[in-house]
Amino acid sequence: MQTCKDVMTANPTCCTPEEPVIRIAKLMKTENIGSIPICEDRGTKRLVGIVTDRDLAIRVVAAAKDPNSVKAKDVMTSEPIACRPEDDLQTALDAMENNQLRRMPVTNSNGHLVGIIAQADIARCMEEPETIAELVEEVSRPSTATAR
């Protein structure tokens, strides 16, 4: 079985809690990504949260807030669920399904960001279409919780 390290995108773009969400939105556009991990600082990259495109849509745009003044810390999901590089990929898939996560940060044993796994990463590496279909179905099922 593959590990999380086998499928993750290494060294993902990240921001800090004090950065304005306009910067996060622009990074999502230029990098063509749907989430930005939020790290305590860029030096240590200790993961403290994550901001998704959905967070921006609901917590900034729909709330009619100014993206130039709203900070990442105001809209991020704190203490996001993460996996370790050496974790079995199935463990990460189960966590993504159970928590309806489309993307999962990968941290080392000190909680420092080393990668991210997105549904697209899994689709590229999986040989069983059923596994991909199950993940997409579970992550996309209606819920009262906000999808991350």
N, C-alpha and C. Protein backbone atom coordinates (compact mmCIF):
# COMPACT_ATOMS: atom_id res chain seq x y z
N MET A 1 0.84 -1.19 0.00
CA MET A 1 0.00 0.00 0.00
C MET A 1 0.88 1.24 0.00
N GLN A 2 0.40 2.25 -0.64
CA GLN A 2 1.14 3.50 -0.72
C GLN A 2 1.05 4.28 0.59
N THR A 3 2.03 5.16 0.77
CA THR A 3 2.02 6.06 1.92
C THR A 3 1.57 7.44 1.46
N CYS A 4 1.30 8.30 2.41
CA CYS A 4 0.89 9.67 2.09
C CYS A 4 2.00 10.39 1.33
N LYS A 5 3.24 10.10 1.68
CA LYS A 5 4.37 10.74 1.00
C LYS A 5 4.39 10.41 -0.49
N ASP A 6 3.91 9.22 -0.85
CA ASP A 6 3.90 8.79 -2.24
C ASP A 6 2.98 9.61 -3.13
N VAL A 7 1.93 10.19 -2.55
CA VAL A 7 0.94 10.89 -3.37
C VAL A 7 0.85 12.40 -3.09
N MET A 8 1.42 12.84 -1.99
CA MET A 8 1.28 14.26 -1.61
C MET A 8 2.02 15.19 -2.56
N THR A 9 1.55 16.42 -2.61
CA THR A 9 2.29 17.49 -3.26
C THR A 9 3.19 18.06 -2.18
N ALA A 10 4.49 17.95 -2.39
CA ALA A 10 5.45 18.40 -1.38
C ALA A 10 5.59 19.92 -1.38
N ASN A 11 5.92 20.45 -0.22
CA ASN A 11 6.25 21.86 -0.07
C ASN A 11 5.17 22.78 -0.63
N PRO A 12 3.93 22.64 -0.17
CA PRO A 12 2.85 23.47 -0.72
C PRO A 12 2.97 24.94 -0.31
N THR A 13 2.36 25.79 -1.10
CA THR A 13 2.27 27.21 -0.78
C THR A 13 1.53 27.35 0.54
N CYS A 14 1.99 28.26 1.38
CA CYS A 14 1.29 28.51 2.64
C CYS A 14 1.29 30.01 2.94
N CYS A 15 0.44 30.40 3.87
CA CYS A 15 0.35 31.79 4.32
C CYS A 15 0.38 31.78 5.84
N THR A 16 0.44 32.98 6.43
CA THR A 16 0.43 33.11 7.88
C THR A 16 -0.93 33.63 8.32
N PRO A 17 -1.26 33.49 9.60
CA PRO A 17 -2.57 33.93 10.10
C PRO A 17 -2.85 35.42 9.91
N GLU A 18 -1.83 36.23 9.83
CA GLU A 18 -2.01 37.68 9.73
C GLU A 18 -2.18 38.19 8.30
N GLU A 19 -2.04 37.32 7.32
CA GLU A 19 -2.14 37.77 5.93
C GLU A 19 -3.59 38.01 5.54
N PRO A 20 -3.83 39.05 4.72
CA PRO A 20 -5.21 39.33 4.28
C PRO A 20 -5.70 38.24 3.32
N VAL A 21 -7.00 37.98 3.38
CA VAL A 21 -7.54 36.92 2.54
C VAL A 21 -7.45 37.25 1.05
N ILE A 22 -7.31 38.50 0.69
CA ILE A 22 -7.14 38.85 -0.72
C ILE A 22 -5.88 38.19 -1.27
N ARG A 23 -4.82 38.13 -0.47
CA ARG A 23 -3.58 37.47 -0.88
C ARG A 23 -3.81 35.97 -1.06
N ILE A 24 -4.58 35.39 -0.14
CA ILE A 24 -4.88 33.96 -0.23
C ILE A 24 -5.67 33.67 -1.50
N ALA A 25 -6.68 34.49 -1.78
CA ALA A 25 -7.49 34.30 -2.99
C ALA A 25 -6.64 34.42 -4.25
N LYS A 26 -5.73 35.40 -4.27
CA LYS A 26 -4.87 35.57 -5.44
C LYS A 26 -3.91 34.39 -5.61
N LEU A 27 -3.40 33.86 -4.50
CA LEU A 27 -2.54 32.67 -4.57
C LEU A 27 -3.32 31.47 -5.10
N MET A 28 -4.55 31.32 -4.64
CA MET A 28 -5.37 30.21 -5.14
C MET A 28 -5.55 30.32 -6.65
N LYS A 29 -5.74 31.53 -7.12
CA LYS A 29 -5.92 31.73 -8.56
C LYS A 29 -4.64 31.43 -9.33
N THR A 30 -3.52 32.02 -8.91
CA THR A 30 -2.28 31.85 -9.67
C THR A 30 -1.72 30.43 -9.57
N GLU A 31 -1.93 29.78 -8.41
CA GLU A 31 -1.42 28.42 -8.21
C GLU A 31 -2.42 27.36 -8.66
N ASN A 32 -3.65 27.79 -8.99
CA ASN A 32 -4.72 26.88 -9.40
C ASN A 32 -4.97 25.81 -8.32
N ILE A 33 -5.18 26.29 -7.08
CA ILE A 33 -5.43 25.40 -5.95
C ILE A 33 -6.66 25.86 -5.19
N GLY A 34 -7.23 24.96 -4.41
CA GLY A 34 -8.46 25.27 -3.70
C GLY A 34 -8.32 25.48 -2.21
N SER A 35 -7.09 25.37 -1.70
CA SER A 35 -6.87 25.62 -0.27
C SER A 35 -5.45 26.08 -0.03
N ILE A 36 -5.30 26.81 1.05
CA ILE A 36 -3.98 27.30 1.45
C ILE A 36 -3.77 26.93 2.92
N PRO A 37 -2.77 26.12 3.22
CA PRO A 37 -2.45 25.86 4.63
C PRO A 37 -1.97 27.16 5.29
N ILE A 38 -2.31 27.33 6.55
CA ILE A 38 -1.91 28.50 7.31
C ILE A 38 -0.88 28.03 8.35
N CYS A 39 0.31 28.61 8.26
CA CYS A 39 1.41 28.22 9.14
C CYS A 39 1.76 29.37 10.08
N GLU A 40 2.17 29.00 11.27
CA GLU A 40 2.54 29.98 12.28
C GLU A 40 3.50 31.02 11.71
N ASP A 41 4.49 30.54 10.97
CA ASP A 41 5.39 31.42 10.22
C ASP A 41 5.99 30.61 9.09
N ARG A 42 6.55 31.30 8.12
CA ARG A 42 7.08 30.61 6.94
C ARG A 42 8.38 29.87 7.22
N GLY A 43 9.05 30.24 8.31
CA GLY A 43 10.32 29.59 8.65
C GLY A 43 10.11 28.17 9.14
N THR A 44 9.30 28.02 10.18
CA THR A 44 9.09 26.69 10.76
C THR A 44 7.99 25.92 10.04
N LYS A 45 7.06 26.66 9.43
CA LYS A 45 5.91 26.06 8.76
C LYS A 45 5.08 25.17 9.70
N ARG A 46 4.97 25.57 10.97
CA ARG A 46 4.11 24.82 11.88
C ARG A 46 2.66 25.11 11.52
N LEU A 47 1.93 24.07 11.15
CA LEU A 47 0.56 24.20 10.68
C LEU A 47 -0.38 24.62 11.81
N VAL A 48 -1.15 25.68 11.58
CA VAL A 48 -2.12 26.14 12.58
C VAL A 48 -3.54 26.22 12.01
N GLY A 49 -3.68 26.10 10.69
CA GLY A 49 -5.02 26.19 10.10
C GLY A 49 -4.99 25.94 8.61
N ILE A 50 -6.16 26.09 8.01
CA ILE A 50 -6.28 25.96 6.56
C ILE A 50 -7.44 26.84 6.10
N VAL A 51 -7.27 27.47 4.95
CA VAL A 51 -8.33 28.28 4.34
C VAL A 51 -8.65 27.65 2.99
N THR A 52 -9.93 27.41 2.75
CA THR A 52 -10.37 26.84 1.47
C THR A 52 -11.10 27.88 0.65
N ASP A 53 -11.27 27.58 -0.61
CA ASP A 53 -12.04 28.47 -1.47
C ASP A 53 -13.47 28.62 -0.94
N ARG A 54 -14.00 27.59 -0.36
CA ARG A 54 -15.34 27.64 0.24
C ARG A 54 -15.36 28.61 1.43
N ASP A 55 -14.30 28.58 2.25
CA ASP A 55 -14.21 29.53 3.37
C ASP A 55 -14.29 30.96 2.86
N LEU A 56 -13.58 31.24 1.78
CA LEU A 56 -13.59 32.59 1.22
C LEU A 56 -14.97 32.96 0.70
N ALA A 57 -15.61 32.02 0.02
CA ALA A 57 -16.93 32.29 -0.54
C ALA A 57 -17.97 32.56 0.55
N ILE A 58 -17.96 31.74 1.59
CA ILE A 58 -18.99 31.84 2.62
C ILE A 58 -18.66 32.88 3.69
N ARG A 59 -17.42 32.87 4.15
CA ARG A 59 -17.07 33.72 5.30
C ARG A 59 -16.60 35.12 4.91
N VAL A 60 -16.35 35.34 3.62
CA VAL A 60 -15.91 36.67 3.20
C VAL A 60 -16.90 37.24 2.19
N VAL A 61 -17.02 36.61 1.03
CA VAL A 61 -17.88 37.14 -0.03
C VAL A 61 -19.35 37.18 0.39
N ALA A 62 -19.89 36.04 0.82
CA ALA A 62 -21.31 36.00 1.19
C ALA A 62 -21.61 36.86 2.42
N ALA A 63 -20.61 37.06 3.26
CA ALA A 63 -20.78 37.89 4.45
C ALA A 63 -20.49 39.36 4.16
N ALA A 64 -20.20 39.66 2.90
CA ALA A 64 -19.93 41.04 2.44
C ALA A 64 -18.81 41.71 3.23
N LYS A 65 -17.75 40.94 3.49
CA LYS A 65 -16.59 41.48 4.21
C LYS A 65 -15.53 41.93 3.22
N ASP A 66 -14.69 42.84 3.64
CA ASP A 66 -13.62 43.38 2.81
C ASP A 66 -12.43 42.41 2.80
N PRO A 67 -12.12 41.79 1.65
CA PRO A 67 -11.01 40.84 1.60
C PRO A 67 -9.64 41.47 1.83
N ASN A 68 -9.58 42.78 1.77
CA ASN A 68 -8.31 43.46 2.05
C ASN A 68 -8.07 43.61 3.55
N SER A 69 -9.13 43.57 4.34
CA SER A 69 -8.96 43.76 5.79
C SER A 69 -9.16 42.48 6.60
N VAL A 70 -9.91 41.52 6.06
CA VAL A 70 -10.10 40.26 6.76
C VAL A 70 -8.81 39.45 6.68
N LYS A 71 -8.41 38.89 7.80
CA LYS A 71 -7.15 38.13 7.87
C LYS A 71 -7.45 36.63 7.82
N ALA A 72 -6.43 35.88 7.45
CA ALA A 72 -6.56 34.42 7.38
C ALA A 72 -7.07 33.85 8.69
N LYS A 73 -6.57 34.34 9.81
CA LYS A 73 -6.98 33.83 11.12
C LYS A 73 -8.48 34.00 11.37
N ASP A 74 -9.10 34.95 10.68
CA ASP A 74 -10.53 35.21 10.87
C ASP A 74 -11.42 34.21 10.14
N VAL A 75 -10.91 33.52 9.15
CA VAL A 75 -11.73 32.61 8.35
C VAL A 75 -11.20 31.18 8.29
N MET A 76 -10.00 30.95 8.82
CA MET A 76 -9.39 29.62 8.71
C MET A 76 -10.06 28.61 9.63
N THR A 77 -9.92 27.36 9.27
CA THR A 77 -10.27 26.27 10.15
C THR A 77 -9.01 26.00 10.97
N SER A 78 -9.11 26.20 12.29
CA SER A 78 -7.96 25.98 13.17
C SER A 78 -7.76 24.49 13.42
N GLU A 79 -6.52 24.13 13.68
CA GLU A 79 -6.16 22.75 13.99
C GLU A 79 -6.77 21.76 13.00
N PRO A 80 -6.43 21.92 11.72
CA PRO A 80 -7.03 21.02 10.72
C PRO A 80 -6.55 19.59 10.90
N ILE A 81 -7.38 18.68 10.45
CA ILE A 81 -7.00 17.27 10.46
C ILE A 81 -5.87 17.10 9.45
N ALA A 82 -4.82 16.42 9.87
CA ALA A 82 -3.65 16.22 9.02
C ALA A 82 -3.18 14.78 9.14
N CYS A 83 -2.35 14.39 8.21
CA CYS A 83 -1.74 13.07 8.27
C CYS A 83 -0.22 13.24 8.26
N ARG A 84 0.48 12.16 8.44
CA ARG A 84 1.94 12.14 8.43
C ARG A 84 2.42 11.53 7.11
N PRO A 85 3.61 11.89 6.65
CA PRO A 85 4.12 11.34 5.38
C PRO A 85 4.18 9.81 5.36
N GLU A 86 4.49 9.23 6.52
CA GLU A 86 4.65 7.78 6.59
C GLU A 86 3.34 7.03 6.80
N ASP A 87 2.24 7.75 7.01
CA ASP A 87 0.94 7.10 7.20
C ASP A 87 0.54 6.34 5.94
N ASP A 88 -0.14 5.25 6.16
CA ASP A 88 -0.72 4.47 5.07
C ASP A 88 -1.75 5.35 4.36
N LEU A 89 -1.74 5.36 3.06
CA LEU A 89 -2.66 6.20 2.30
C LEU A 89 -4.11 5.90 2.64
N GLN A 90 -4.44 4.65 2.91
CA GLN A 90 -5.83 4.30 3.24
C GLN A 90 -6.28 5.01 4.51
N THR A 91 -5.38 5.20 5.45
CA THR A 91 -5.71 5.94 6.68
C THR A 91 -6.12 7.37 6.34
N ALA A 92 -5.37 8.00 5.44
CA ALA A 92 -5.70 9.37 5.01
C ALA A 92 -7.02 9.38 4.25
N LEU A 93 -7.24 8.41 3.38
CA LEU A 93 -8.50 8.34 2.63
C LEU A 93 -9.68 8.19 3.58
N ASP A 94 -9.54 7.35 4.59
CA ASP A 94 -10.62 7.16 5.56
C ASP A 94 -10.90 8.47 6.30
N ALA A 95 -9.86 9.16 6.71
CA ALA A 95 -10.04 10.44 7.42
C ALA A 95 -10.70 11.48 6.51
N MET A 96 -10.29 11.50 5.24
CA MET A 96 -10.90 12.45 4.30
C MET A 96 -12.38 12.15 4.12
N GLU A 97 -12.71 10.87 3.97
CA GLU A 97 -14.12 10.48 3.80
C GLU A 97 -14.94 10.79 5.05
N ASN A 98 -14.43 10.38 6.21
CA ASN A 98 -15.17 10.53 7.46
C ASN A 98 -15.38 11.99 7.85
N ASN A 99 -14.46 12.86 7.43
CA ASN A 99 -14.54 14.27 7.79
C ASN A 99 -14.92 15.18 6.62
N GLN A 100 -15.26 14.56 5.49
CA GLN A 100 -15.63 15.27 4.27
C GLN A 100 -14.58 16.32 3.89
N LEU A 101 -13.35 15.87 3.80
CA LEU A 101 -12.24 16.76 3.42
C LEU A 101 -11.84 16.51 1.98
N ARG A 102 -11.72 17.58 1.22
CA ARG A 102 -11.26 17.46 -0.16
C ARG A 102 -9.74 17.56 -0.24
N ARG A 103 -9.15 18.12 0.81
CA ARG A 103 -7.70 18.29 0.86
C ARG A 103 -7.25 18.05 2.29
N MET A 104 -6.07 17.44 2.43
CA MET A 104 -5.55 17.16 3.76
C MET A 104 -4.07 17.53 3.84
N PRO A 105 -3.71 18.41 4.79
CA PRO A 105 -2.30 18.74 4.97
C PRO A 105 -1.52 17.52 5.48
N VAL A 106 -0.25 17.50 5.16
CA VAL A 106 0.65 16.45 5.63
C VAL A 106 1.71 17.15 6.48
N THR A 107 1.84 16.71 7.73
CA THR A 107 2.80 17.33 8.65
C THR A 107 3.78 16.29 9.17
N ASN A 108 4.96 16.78 9.56
CA ASN A 108 5.92 15.86 10.17
C ASN A 108 5.57 15.69 11.65
N SER A 109 6.41 14.96 12.39
CA SER A 109 6.11 14.66 13.79
C SER A 109 6.10 15.91 14.68
N ASN A 110 6.66 17.01 14.20
CA ASN A 110 6.66 18.27 14.95
C ASN A 110 5.50 19.19 14.55
N GLY A 111 4.63 18.72 13.66
CA GLY A 111 3.50 19.52 13.22
C GLY A 111 3.84 20.53 12.14
N HIS A 112 4.99 20.36 11.50
CA HIS A 112 5.40 21.28 10.44
C HIS A 112 4.91 20.77 9.09
N LEU A 113 4.36 21.66 8.30
CA LEU A 113 3.80 21.33 7.00
C LEU A 113 4.88 20.83 6.05
N VAL A 114 4.66 19.66 5.45
CA VAL A 114 5.60 19.12 4.47
C VAL A 114 4.93 18.80 3.15
N GLY A 115 3.58 18.78 3.15
CA GLY A 115 2.88 18.46 1.92
C GLY A 115 1.38 18.63 2.08
N ILE A 116 0.67 18.32 1.00
CA ILE A 116 -0.80 18.34 1.03
C ILE A 116 -1.29 17.27 0.06
N ILE A 117 -2.39 16.65 0.43
CA ILE A 117 -3.01 15.65 -0.45
C ILE A 117 -4.38 16.19 -0.85
N ALA A 118 -4.62 16.25 -2.15
CA ALA A 118 -5.91 16.67 -2.68
C ALA A 118 -6.55 15.49 -3.40
N GLN A 119 -7.85 15.59 -3.63
CA GLN A 119 -8.54 14.53 -4.37
C GLN A 119 -7.84 14.25 -5.70
N ALA A 120 -7.38 15.29 -6.36
CA ALA A 120 -6.71 15.11 -7.66
C ALA A 120 -5.43 14.28 -7.51
N ASP A 121 -4.70 14.47 -6.43
CA ASP A 121 -3.48 13.67 -6.19
C ASP A 121 -3.83 12.20 -6.07
N ILE A 122 -4.92 11.93 -5.37
CA ILE A 122 -5.35 10.54 -5.19
C ILE A 122 -5.81 9.95 -6.51
N ALA A 123 -6.55 10.72 -7.28
CA ALA A 123 -7.03 10.23 -8.58
C ALA A 123 -5.88 9.88 -9.50
N ARG A 124 -4.80 10.65 -9.45
CA ARG A 124 -3.65 10.39 -10.32
C ARG A 124 -2.91 9.12 -9.95
N CYS A 125 -2.94 8.73 -8.67
CA CYS A 125 -2.11 7.60 -8.25
C CYS A 125 -2.87 6.31 -8.05
N MET A 126 -4.19 6.37 -7.91
CA MET A 126 -4.96 5.17 -7.61
C MET A 126 -5.24 4.37 -8.87
N GLU A 127 -5.13 3.07 -8.71
CA GLU A 127 -5.41 2.18 -9.83
C GLU A 127 -6.84 1.66 -9.79
N GLU A 128 -7.51 1.81 -8.63
CA GLU A 128 -8.88 1.32 -8.50
C GLU A 128 -9.86 2.48 -8.62
N PRO A 129 -10.58 2.59 -9.73
CA PRO A 129 -11.56 3.68 -9.89
C PRO A 129 -12.62 3.68 -8.79
N GLU A 130 -12.91 2.51 -8.21
CA GLU A 130 -13.92 2.43 -7.16
C GLU A 130 -13.50 3.24 -5.94
N THR A 131 -12.22 3.22 -5.62
CA THR A 131 -11.71 3.95 -4.46
C THR A 131 -11.87 5.45 -4.67
N ILE A 132 -11.56 5.92 -5.86
CA ILE A 132 -11.69 7.34 -6.18
C ILE A 132 -13.17 7.74 -6.12
N ALA A 133 -14.02 6.92 -6.71
CA ALA A 133 -15.45 7.22 -6.72
C ALA A 133 -16.01 7.26 -5.30
N GLU A 134 -15.57 6.33 -4.46
CA GLU A 134 -16.04 6.30 -3.07
C GLU A 134 -15.61 7.56 -2.32
N LEU A 135 -14.37 7.99 -2.51
CA LEU A 135 -13.88 9.19 -1.85
C LEU A 135 -14.71 10.41 -2.28
N VAL A 136 -14.89 10.57 -3.57
CA VAL A 136 -15.64 11.72 -4.07
C VAL A 136 -17.07 11.69 -3.55
N GLU A 137 -17.69 10.52 -3.54
CA GLU A 137 -19.06 10.40 -3.05
C GLU A 137 -19.16 10.76 -1.56
N GLU A 138 -18.27 10.22 -0.75
CA GLU A 138 -18.32 10.47 0.69
C GLU A 138 -18.02 11.93 1.03
N VAL A 139 -17.04 12.50 0.37
CA VAL A 139 -16.67 13.89 0.64
C VAL A 139 -17.78 14.84 0.20
N SER A 140 -18.52 14.45 -0.82
CA SER A 140 -19.53 15.33 -1.40
C SER A 140 -20.93 15.12 -0.85
N ARG A 141 -21.12 14.17 0.05
CA ARG A 141 -22.48 13.93 0.57
C ARG A 141 -22.97 15.15 1.34
N PRO A 142 -24.28 15.42 1.26
CA PRO A 142 -24.83 16.58 1.96
C PRO A 142 -24.57 16.47 3.46
N SER A 143 -24.27 17.62 4.04
CA SER A 143 -23.97 17.67 5.46
C SER A 143 -24.32 19.03 6.00
N THR A 144 -24.54 19.11 7.30
CA THR A 144 -24.78 20.39 7.93
C THR A 144 -23.46 21.08 8.24
N ALA A 145 -22.37 20.31 8.21
CA ALA A 145 -21.05 20.89 8.48
C ALA A 145 -20.52 21.54 7.22
N THR A 146 -19.68 22.53 7.38
CA THR A 146 -19.05 23.19 6.25
C THR A 146 -17.95 22.31 5.71
N ALA A 147 -17.99 22.00 4.42
CA ALA A 147 -16.93 21.21 3.79
C ALA A 147 -15.64 22.00 3.79
N ARG A 148 -14.54 21.29 3.97
CA ARG A 148 -13.24 21.95 4.03
C ARG A 148 -12.43 21.65 2.80
